[in-house]
Amino acid sequence: MERTTRQKTAIQAAIESAQRPLSAQEILEQASLQVTQLGIATVYRNLKSLVLEEKVHVVTLPGENPRYESNTAANHHHHHFQCTTCQRVFDVHDCPGDLKRMAPQGFVVERHELTLYGRCADCNAAAGATAAAGSAAVATTVHACASHHDPA
């Protein structure tokens, strides 16, 4: 039986409170708020233990480092959304449903995974604010140029 340490407790708490899959670096940042001088090697060592104890589930996205979510989240069918701007991953609780009809005839679908890609709400709002600020700057410049008369 594994012993529970302050580090392990802080790591598990960071994962559970996030309510989304976290990278090891994100876990380190959150757990360090509770346990100072926590290192990435300690995070990985404890993640391995938490996965073996089935308290944490590994989320693997193509071409990405693994992320970790609580088994509470992992125990119900869901999918993921990855922000292409900040790279954070979020749970998606909707499912398109029966995908068996998409498999070639004679094939049996045993499970499926779906990952959506785009901008999260925070990054989308920031992009909108940046675009609005850029449009306002262009409009101000155009207005200033239009009101300036060049005596030629």
N, C-alpha and C. Protein backbone atom coordinates (compact mmCIF):
# COMPACT_ATOMS: atom_id res chain seq x y z
N MET A 1 0.85 -1.18 0.00
CA MET A 1 0.00 0.00 0.00
C MET A 1 0.89 1.24 0.00
N GLU A 2 0.58 2.16 -0.89
CA GLU A 2 1.33 3.41 -0.99
C GLU A 2 0.96 4.34 0.16
N ARG A 3 1.96 5.03 0.64
CA ARG A 3 1.66 6.01 1.69
C ARG A 3 1.25 7.32 1.03
N THR A 4 0.42 8.06 1.73
CA THR A 4 -0.04 9.35 1.23
C THR A 4 0.84 10.44 1.81
N THR A 5 1.39 11.26 0.94
CA THR A 5 2.24 12.36 1.35
C THR A 5 1.53 13.68 1.08
N ARG A 6 2.08 14.76 1.61
CA ARG A 6 1.51 16.09 1.34
C ARG A 6 1.57 16.38 -0.16
N GLN A 7 2.68 15.98 -0.79
CA GLN A 7 2.83 16.22 -2.22
C GLN A 7 1.75 15.49 -3.01
N LYS A 8 1.56 14.23 -2.69
CA LYS A 8 0.57 13.41 -3.40
C LYS A 8 -0.84 13.96 -3.18
N THR A 9 -1.12 14.37 -1.98
CA THR A 9 -2.43 14.95 -1.67
C THR A 9 -2.65 16.24 -2.45
N ALA A 10 -1.62 17.09 -2.52
CA ALA A 10 -1.72 18.35 -3.26
C ALA A 10 -1.89 18.10 -4.76
N ILE A 11 -1.21 17.10 -5.29
CA ILE A 11 -1.31 16.76 -6.71
C ILE A 11 -2.71 16.25 -7.03
N GLN A 12 -3.22 15.36 -6.20
CA GLN A 12 -4.56 14.83 -6.43
C GLN A 12 -5.61 15.94 -6.28
N ALA A 13 -5.44 16.82 -5.32
CA ALA A 13 -6.38 17.94 -5.13
C ALA A 13 -6.36 18.88 -6.33
N ALA A 14 -5.19 19.12 -6.89
CA ALA A 14 -5.07 19.99 -8.07
C ALA A 14 -5.85 19.39 -9.24
N ILE A 15 -5.74 18.10 -9.43
CA ILE A 15 -6.43 17.43 -10.52
C ILE A 15 -7.94 17.47 -10.31
N GLU A 16 -8.38 17.17 -9.11
CA GLU A 16 -9.81 17.12 -8.83
C GLU A 16 -10.46 18.49 -8.87
N SER A 17 -9.75 19.51 -8.42
CA SER A 17 -10.35 20.85 -8.40
C SER A 17 -10.38 21.50 -9.79
N ALA A 18 -9.54 21.05 -10.69
CA ALA A 18 -9.47 21.65 -12.02
C ALA A 18 -10.71 21.36 -12.85
N GLN A 19 -11.30 20.21 -12.67
CA GLN A 19 -12.47 19.77 -13.43
C GLN A 19 -12.22 19.78 -14.93
N ARG A 20 -10.96 19.53 -15.32
CA ARG A 20 -10.57 19.37 -16.72
C ARG A 20 -9.24 18.65 -16.71
N PRO A 21 -8.87 18.01 -17.79
CA PRO A 21 -7.57 17.32 -17.84
C PRO A 21 -6.42 18.33 -17.76
N LEU A 22 -5.42 18.02 -16.95
CA LEU A 22 -4.27 18.90 -16.76
C LEU A 22 -2.98 18.23 -17.21
N SER A 23 -2.08 19.02 -17.74
CA SER A 23 -0.74 18.52 -18.05
C SER A 23 0.05 18.44 -16.75
N ALA A 24 1.16 17.73 -16.78
CA ALA A 24 2.01 17.64 -15.60
C ALA A 24 2.48 19.03 -15.16
N GLN A 25 2.79 19.90 -16.12
CA GLN A 25 3.22 21.26 -15.79
C GLN A 25 2.10 22.05 -15.10
N GLU A 26 0.87 21.91 -15.59
CA GLU A 26 -0.27 22.58 -14.96
C GLU A 26 -0.50 22.05 -13.55
N ILE A 27 -0.32 20.74 -13.38
CA ILE A 27 -0.47 20.14 -12.05
C ILE A 27 0.61 20.69 -11.13
N LEU A 28 1.84 20.77 -11.61
CA LEU A 28 2.94 21.33 -10.82
C LEU A 28 2.61 22.75 -10.37
N GLU A 29 2.13 23.58 -11.28
CA GLU A 29 1.81 24.97 -10.95
C GLU A 29 0.73 25.05 -9.88
N GLN A 30 -0.32 24.23 -10.00
CA GLN A 30 -1.41 24.27 -9.04
C GLN A 30 -1.02 23.66 -7.69
N ALA A 31 -0.35 22.51 -7.71
CA ALA A 31 0.03 21.84 -6.46
C ALA A 31 1.08 22.64 -5.71
N SER A 32 1.92 23.39 -6.43
CA SER A 32 2.95 24.21 -5.77
C SER A 32 2.36 25.31 -4.92
N LEU A 33 1.11 25.65 -5.16
CA LEU A 33 0.44 26.65 -4.31
C LEU A 33 0.22 26.11 -2.91
N GLN A 34 0.13 24.77 -2.78
CA GLN A 34 -0.06 24.14 -1.48
C GLN A 34 1.24 23.61 -0.88
N VAL A 35 2.11 23.10 -1.75
CA VAL A 35 3.37 22.52 -1.28
C VAL A 35 4.50 23.22 -2.02
N THR A 36 5.24 24.05 -1.31
CA THR A 36 6.33 24.78 -1.95
C THR A 36 7.48 23.84 -2.28
N GLN A 37 8.29 24.23 -3.22
CA GLN A 37 9.46 23.49 -3.67
C GLN A 37 9.12 22.09 -4.18
N LEU A 38 7.97 21.99 -4.83
CA LEU A 38 7.56 20.74 -5.46
C LEU A 38 8.22 20.69 -6.83
N GLY A 39 8.81 19.57 -7.18
CA GLY A 39 9.50 19.43 -8.46
C GLY A 39 8.72 18.59 -9.44
N ILE A 40 9.04 18.74 -10.72
CA ILE A 40 8.33 18.01 -11.77
C ILE A 40 8.54 16.49 -11.65
N ALA A 41 9.72 16.06 -11.18
CA ALA A 41 9.97 14.63 -11.00
C ALA A 41 9.04 14.05 -9.94
N THR A 42 8.80 14.81 -8.88
CA THR A 42 7.87 14.38 -7.83
C THR A 42 6.45 14.31 -8.38
N VAL A 43 6.09 15.26 -9.22
CA VAL A 43 4.76 15.23 -9.84
C VAL A 43 4.60 13.96 -10.67
N TYR A 44 5.56 13.67 -11.54
CA TYR A 44 5.48 12.47 -12.38
C TYR A 44 5.45 11.19 -11.55
N ARG A 45 6.27 11.12 -10.52
CA ARG A 45 6.31 9.93 -9.67
C ARG A 45 4.95 9.70 -9.00
N ASN A 46 4.34 10.79 -8.51
CA ASN A 46 3.05 10.67 -7.86
C ASN A 46 1.92 10.42 -8.85
N LEU A 47 2.03 10.98 -10.06
CA LEU A 47 1.02 10.70 -11.08
C LEU A 47 1.02 9.22 -11.43
N LYS A 48 2.20 8.64 -11.56
CA LYS A 48 2.31 7.21 -11.85
C LYS A 48 1.61 6.40 -10.76
N SER A 49 1.85 6.77 -9.52
CA SER A 49 1.24 6.08 -8.40
C SER A 49 -0.29 6.25 -8.40
N LEU A 50 -0.76 7.47 -8.66
CA LEU A 50 -2.20 7.74 -8.67
C LEU A 50 -2.90 7.00 -9.82
N VAL A 51 -2.22 6.86 -10.94
CA VAL A 51 -2.78 6.10 -12.06
C VAL A 51 -2.87 4.62 -11.68
N LEU A 52 -1.81 4.07 -11.08
CA LEU A 52 -1.83 2.66 -10.65
C LEU A 52 -2.90 2.40 -9.60
N GLU A 53 -3.14 3.38 -8.75
CA GLU A 53 -4.17 3.25 -7.72
C GLU A 53 -5.57 3.52 -8.28
N GLU A 54 -5.65 3.85 -9.56
CA GLU A 54 -6.90 4.15 -10.26
C GLU A 54 -7.64 5.34 -9.66
N LYS A 55 -6.89 6.31 -9.17
CA LYS A 55 -7.47 7.56 -8.68
C LYS A 55 -7.42 8.64 -9.74
N VAL A 56 -6.55 8.43 -10.73
CA VAL A 56 -6.35 9.39 -11.81
C VAL A 56 -6.32 8.62 -13.13
N HIS A 57 -6.87 9.24 -14.16
CA HIS A 57 -6.92 8.63 -15.49
C HIS A 57 -6.06 9.46 -16.45
N VAL A 58 -5.37 8.77 -17.35
CA VAL A 58 -4.54 9.44 -18.34
C VAL A 58 -5.39 9.77 -19.57
N VAL A 59 -5.31 11.02 -20.01
CA VAL A 59 -5.97 11.46 -21.24
C VAL A 59 -4.88 11.65 -22.28
N THR A 60 -4.98 10.90 -23.37
CA THR A 60 -3.97 10.97 -24.41
C THR A 60 -4.59 11.55 -25.67
N LEU A 61 -4.04 12.67 -26.13
CA LEU A 61 -4.46 13.28 -27.39
C LEU A 61 -3.33 13.11 -28.39
N PRO A 62 -3.67 12.91 -29.65
CA PRO A 62 -2.63 12.70 -30.67
C PRO A 62 -1.60 13.84 -30.70
N GLY A 63 -0.32 13.46 -30.66
CA GLY A 63 0.76 14.43 -30.75
C GLY A 63 0.98 15.29 -29.52
N GLU A 64 0.35 14.95 -28.42
CA GLU A 64 0.43 15.76 -27.20
C GLU A 64 1.00 14.94 -26.05
N ASN A 65 1.55 15.64 -25.06
CA ASN A 65 1.93 14.98 -23.81
C ASN A 65 0.66 14.57 -23.08
N PRO A 66 0.74 13.53 -22.27
CA PRO A 66 -0.46 13.08 -21.55
C PRO A 66 -0.97 14.15 -20.60
N ARG A 67 -2.25 14.09 -20.39
CA ARG A 67 -2.90 14.93 -19.40
C ARG A 67 -3.60 13.99 -18.42
N TYR A 68 -3.99 14.53 -17.29
CA TYR A 68 -4.54 13.70 -16.23
C TYR A 68 -5.83 14.30 -15.72
N GLU A 69 -6.82 13.42 -15.49
CA GLU A 69 -8.08 13.86 -14.92
C GLU A 69 -8.49 12.87 -13.83
N SER A 70 -9.37 13.33 -12.97
CA SER A 70 -9.80 12.46 -11.87
C SER A 70 -10.61 11.31 -12.43
N ASN A 71 -10.58 10.19 -11.75
CA ASN A 71 -11.36 9.05 -12.20
C ASN A 71 -12.85 9.32 -12.11
N THR A 72 -13.25 10.27 -11.29
CA THR A 72 -14.66 10.66 -11.23
C THR A 72 -15.09 11.15 -12.60
N ALA A 73 -14.28 12.00 -13.23
CA ALA A 73 -14.60 12.50 -14.57
C ALA A 73 -14.45 11.38 -15.60
N ALA A 74 -13.44 10.56 -15.45
CA ALA A 74 -13.15 9.52 -16.44
C ALA A 74 -14.18 8.40 -16.42
N ASN A 75 -14.89 8.25 -15.33
CA ASN A 75 -15.83 7.13 -15.20
C ASN A 75 -17.13 7.33 -15.96
N HIS A 76 -17.34 8.50 -16.54
CA HIS A 76 -18.52 8.67 -17.39
C HIS A 76 -18.05 9.03 -18.81
N HIS A 77 -18.80 8.57 -19.78
CA HIS A 77 -18.41 8.76 -21.18
C HIS A 77 -18.41 10.25 -21.52
N HIS A 78 -17.27 10.72 -22.02
CA HIS A 78 -17.17 12.11 -22.46
C HIS A 78 -16.03 12.25 -23.45
N HIS A 79 -15.95 13.39 -24.06
CA HIS A 79 -14.93 13.68 -25.06
C HIS A 79 -14.15 14.91 -24.61
N HIS A 80 -13.28 15.41 -25.50
CA HIS A 80 -12.43 16.53 -25.11
C HIS A 80 -12.38 17.62 -26.17
N PHE A 81 -12.08 18.82 -25.73
CA PHE A 81 -11.89 19.99 -26.58
C PHE A 81 -10.51 20.55 -26.25
N GLN A 82 -9.67 20.76 -27.26
CA GLN A 82 -8.36 21.36 -27.02
C GLN A 82 -8.32 22.73 -27.68
N CYS A 83 -7.95 23.73 -26.89
CA CYS A 83 -7.81 25.08 -27.41
C CYS A 83 -6.51 25.16 -28.23
N THR A 84 -6.64 25.64 -29.45
CA THR A 84 -5.47 25.74 -30.32
C THR A 84 -4.62 26.96 -30.00
N THR A 85 -5.11 27.83 -29.12
CA THR A 85 -4.35 29.00 -28.73
C THR A 85 -3.55 28.75 -27.45
N CYS A 86 -4.23 28.35 -26.38
CA CYS A 86 -3.56 28.16 -25.08
C CYS A 86 -3.20 26.70 -24.80
N GLN A 87 -3.66 25.78 -25.63
CA GLN A 87 -3.38 24.34 -25.53
C GLN A 87 -4.08 23.65 -24.37
N ARG A 88 -4.90 24.37 -23.59
CA ARG A 88 -5.63 23.70 -22.50
C ARG A 88 -6.65 22.73 -23.07
N VAL A 89 -6.99 21.71 -22.29
CA VAL A 89 -7.94 20.69 -22.69
C VAL A 89 -9.13 20.75 -21.73
N PHE A 90 -10.33 20.63 -22.28
CA PHE A 90 -11.56 20.70 -21.50
C PHE A 90 -12.42 19.47 -21.79
N ASP A 91 -13.26 19.10 -20.84
CA ASP A 91 -14.19 18.00 -21.05
C ASP A 91 -15.38 18.47 -21.88
N VAL A 92 -15.85 17.60 -22.76
CA VAL A 92 -17.06 17.83 -23.55
C VAL A 92 -18.02 16.71 -23.16
N HIS A 93 -19.17 17.07 -22.63
CA HIS A 93 -20.07 16.05 -22.10
C HIS A 93 -21.11 15.57 -23.11
N ASP A 94 -21.21 16.22 -24.26
CA ASP A 94 -22.10 15.74 -25.31
C ASP A 94 -21.38 14.70 -26.16
N CYS A 95 -22.16 13.86 -26.79
CA CYS A 95 -21.61 12.83 -27.67
C CYS A 95 -22.52 12.72 -28.89
N PRO A 96 -21.92 12.59 -30.07
CA PRO A 96 -22.76 12.48 -31.26
C PRO A 96 -23.58 11.21 -31.29
N GLY A 97 -23.30 10.29 -30.41
CA GLY A 97 -24.12 9.09 -30.31
C GLY A 97 -23.53 7.89 -31.01
N ASP A 98 -24.41 7.06 -31.50
CA ASP A 98 -24.03 5.78 -32.09
C ASP A 98 -23.20 5.99 -33.35
N LEU A 99 -21.92 5.69 -33.27
CA LEU A 99 -21.02 5.85 -34.41
C LEU A 99 -20.82 4.54 -35.17
N LYS A 100 -21.55 3.51 -34.78
CA LYS A 100 -21.41 2.20 -35.44
C LYS A 100 -21.73 2.31 -36.93
N ARG A 101 -22.64 3.20 -37.30
CA ARG A 101 -23.04 3.34 -38.69
C ARG A 101 -21.91 3.87 -39.56
N MET A 102 -20.88 4.48 -38.94
CA MET A 102 -19.75 5.03 -39.69
C MET A 102 -18.70 3.97 -40.02
N ALA A 103 -18.72 2.87 -39.31
CA ALA A 103 -17.72 1.82 -39.53
C ALA A 103 -18.04 1.07 -40.82
N PRO A 104 -17.02 0.56 -41.48
CA PRO A 104 -17.27 -0.24 -42.68
C PRO A 104 -18.14 -1.45 -42.35
N GLN A 105 -18.89 -1.90 -43.32
CA GLN A 105 -19.79 -3.03 -43.11
C GLN A 105 -19.01 -4.24 -42.64
N GLY A 106 -19.51 -4.88 -41.61
CA GLY A 106 -18.88 -6.06 -41.07
C GLY A 106 -17.91 -5.76 -39.92
N PHE A 107 -17.61 -4.50 -39.70
CA PHE A 107 -16.72 -4.10 -38.62
C PHE A 107 -17.54 -3.89 -37.35
N VAL A 108 -16.90 -4.05 -36.19
CA VAL A 108 -17.56 -3.85 -34.91
C VAL A 108 -16.85 -2.72 -34.17
N VAL A 109 -17.58 -1.67 -33.84
CA VAL A 109 -17.03 -0.55 -33.06
C VAL A 109 -17.11 -0.94 -31.59
N GLU A 110 -15.98 -0.89 -30.91
CA GLU A 110 -15.94 -1.24 -29.49
C GLU A 110 -15.92 -0.01 -28.60
N ARG A 111 -15.33 1.07 -29.10
CA ARG A 111 -15.31 2.33 -28.35
C ARG A 111 -14.92 3.44 -29.32
N HIS A 112 -15.06 4.67 -28.89
CA HIS A 112 -14.63 5.79 -29.72
C HIS A 112 -14.15 6.94 -28.85
N GLU A 113 -13.32 7.77 -29.45
CA GLU A 113 -12.84 8.98 -28.80
C GLU A 113 -13.01 10.11 -29.80
N LEU A 114 -13.39 11.26 -29.28
CA LEU A 114 -13.61 12.41 -30.14
C LEU A 114 -12.95 13.61 -29.49
N THR A 115 -12.15 14.33 -30.26
CA THR A 115 -11.51 15.54 -29.76
C THR A 115 -11.87 16.69 -30.69
N LEU A 116 -12.40 17.75 -30.12
CA LEU A 116 -12.71 18.97 -30.87
C LEU A 116 -11.55 19.93 -30.69
N TYR A 117 -11.26 20.72 -31.71
CA TYR A 117 -10.17 21.70 -31.65
C TYR A 117 -10.71 23.07 -32.03
N GLY A 118 -10.26 24.09 -31.34
CA GLY A 118 -10.67 25.46 -31.62
C GLY A 118 -10.17 26.36 -30.52
N ARG A 119 -10.83 27.50 -30.33
CA ARG A 119 -10.44 28.44 -29.26
C ARG A 119 -11.40 28.30 -28.09
N CYS A 120 -10.84 28.26 -26.88
CA CYS A 120 -11.67 28.22 -25.67
C CYS A 120 -12.33 29.59 -25.48
N ALA A 121 -13.24 29.69 -24.56
CA ALA A 121 -13.97 30.94 -24.33
C ALA A 121 -13.02 32.09 -23.97
N ASP A 122 -12.02 31.81 -23.12
CA ASP A 122 -11.07 32.87 -22.73
C ASP A 122 -10.28 33.38 -23.92
N CYS A 123 -9.75 32.46 -24.73
CA CYS A 123 -8.94 32.85 -25.89
C CYS A 123 -9.80 33.50 -26.96
N ASN A 124 -11.02 33.04 -27.12
CA ASN A 124 -11.93 33.63 -28.09
C ASN A 124 -12.28 35.06 -27.70
N ALA A 125 -12.53 35.27 -26.41
CA ALA A 125 -12.83 36.63 -25.93
C ALA A 125 -11.62 37.54 -26.11
N ALA A 126 -10.43 37.01 -25.81
CA ALA A 126 -9.21 37.80 -25.99
C ALA A 126 -8.99 38.14 -27.46
N ALA A 127 -9.26 37.20 -28.35
CA ALA A 127 -9.11 37.45 -29.79
C ALA A 127 -10.13 38.49 -30.24
N GLY A 128 -11.33 38.43 -29.70
CA GLY A 128 -12.36 39.42 -30.04
C GLY A 128 -11.98 40.80 -29.56
N ALA A 129 -11.41 40.88 -28.35
CA ALA A 129 -10.99 42.17 -27.80
C ALA A 129 -9.82 42.73 -28.60
N THR A 130 -8.90 41.86 -29.01
CA THR A 130 -7.76 42.30 -29.82
C THR A 130 -8.23 42.79 -31.18
N ALA A 131 -9.17 42.06 -31.79
CA ALA A 131 -9.70 42.45 -33.09
C ALA A 131 -10.46 43.77 -32.99
N ALA A 132 -11.23 43.93 -31.91
CA ALA A 132 -11.98 45.17 -31.71
C ALA A 132 -11.04 46.35 -31.50
N ALA A 133 -9.97 46.13 -30.73
CA ALA A 133 -8.99 47.20 -30.51
C ALA A 133 -8.28 47.54 -31.81
N GLY A 134 -7.96 46.54 -32.61
CA GLY A 134 -7.31 46.77 -33.90
C GLY A 134 -8.22 47.52 -34.85
N SER A 135 -9.51 47.18 -34.87
CA SER A 135 -10.48 47.87 -35.73
C SER A 135 -10.64 49.32 -35.30
N ALA A 136 -10.67 49.54 -33.98
CA ALA A 136 -10.80 50.91 -33.48
C ALA A 136 -9.57 51.74 -33.85
N ALA A 137 -8.38 51.15 -33.79
CA ALA A 137 -7.16 51.86 -34.14
C ALA A 137 -7.14 52.20 -35.63
N VAL A 138 -7.60 51.26 -36.47
CA VAL A 138 -7.65 51.50 -37.91
C VAL A 138 -8.67 52.59 -38.20
N ALA A 139 -9.84 52.54 -37.56
CA ALA A 139 -10.87 53.56 -37.78
C ALA A 139 -10.37 54.93 -37.36
N THR A 140 -9.67 55.02 -36.25
CA THR A 140 -9.13 56.29 -35.79
C THR A 140 -8.11 56.82 -36.78
N THR A 141 -7.24 55.94 -37.29
CA THR A 141 -6.23 56.35 -38.26
C THR A 141 -6.88 56.83 -39.55
N VAL A 142 -7.89 56.08 -40.03
CA VAL A 142 -8.59 56.47 -41.26
C VAL A 142 -9.28 57.81 -41.06
N HIS A 143 -9.93 57.98 -39.91
CA HIS A 143 -10.62 59.24 -39.62
C HIS A 143 -9.62 60.39 -39.58
N ALA A 144 -8.47 60.17 -38.94
CA ALA A 144 -7.45 61.22 -38.85
C ALA A 144 -6.91 61.57 -40.23
N CYS A 145 -6.70 60.56 -41.06
CA CYS A 145 -6.20 60.82 -42.42
C CYS A 145 -7.24 61.53 -43.26
N ALA A 146 -8.49 61.19 -43.11
CA ALA A 146 -9.57 61.81 -43.89
C ALA A 146 -9.76 63.26 -43.50
N SER A 147 -9.52 63.56 -42.22
CA SER A 147 -9.75 64.95 -41.76
C SER A 147 -8.53 65.83 -42.04
N HIS A 148 -7.42 65.25 -42.41
CA HIS A 148 -6.22 66.02 -42.71
C HIS A 148 -6.24 66.40 -44.18
N HIS A 149 -6.20 67.67 -44.46
CA HIS A 149 -6.20 68.13 -45.85
C HIS A 149 -4.80 68.49 -46.27
N ASP A 150 -4.36 67.88 -47.34
CA ASP A 150 -3.02 68.13 -47.84
C ASP A 150 -3.12 69.19 -48.95
N PRO A 151 -2.58 70.39 -48.71
CA PRO A 151 -2.67 71.44 -49.72
C PRO A 151 -1.73 71.14 -50.88
N ALA A 152 -2.21 70.54 -51.91
CA ALA A 152 -1.36 70.21 -53.05
C ALA A 152 -1.75 70.97 -54.28
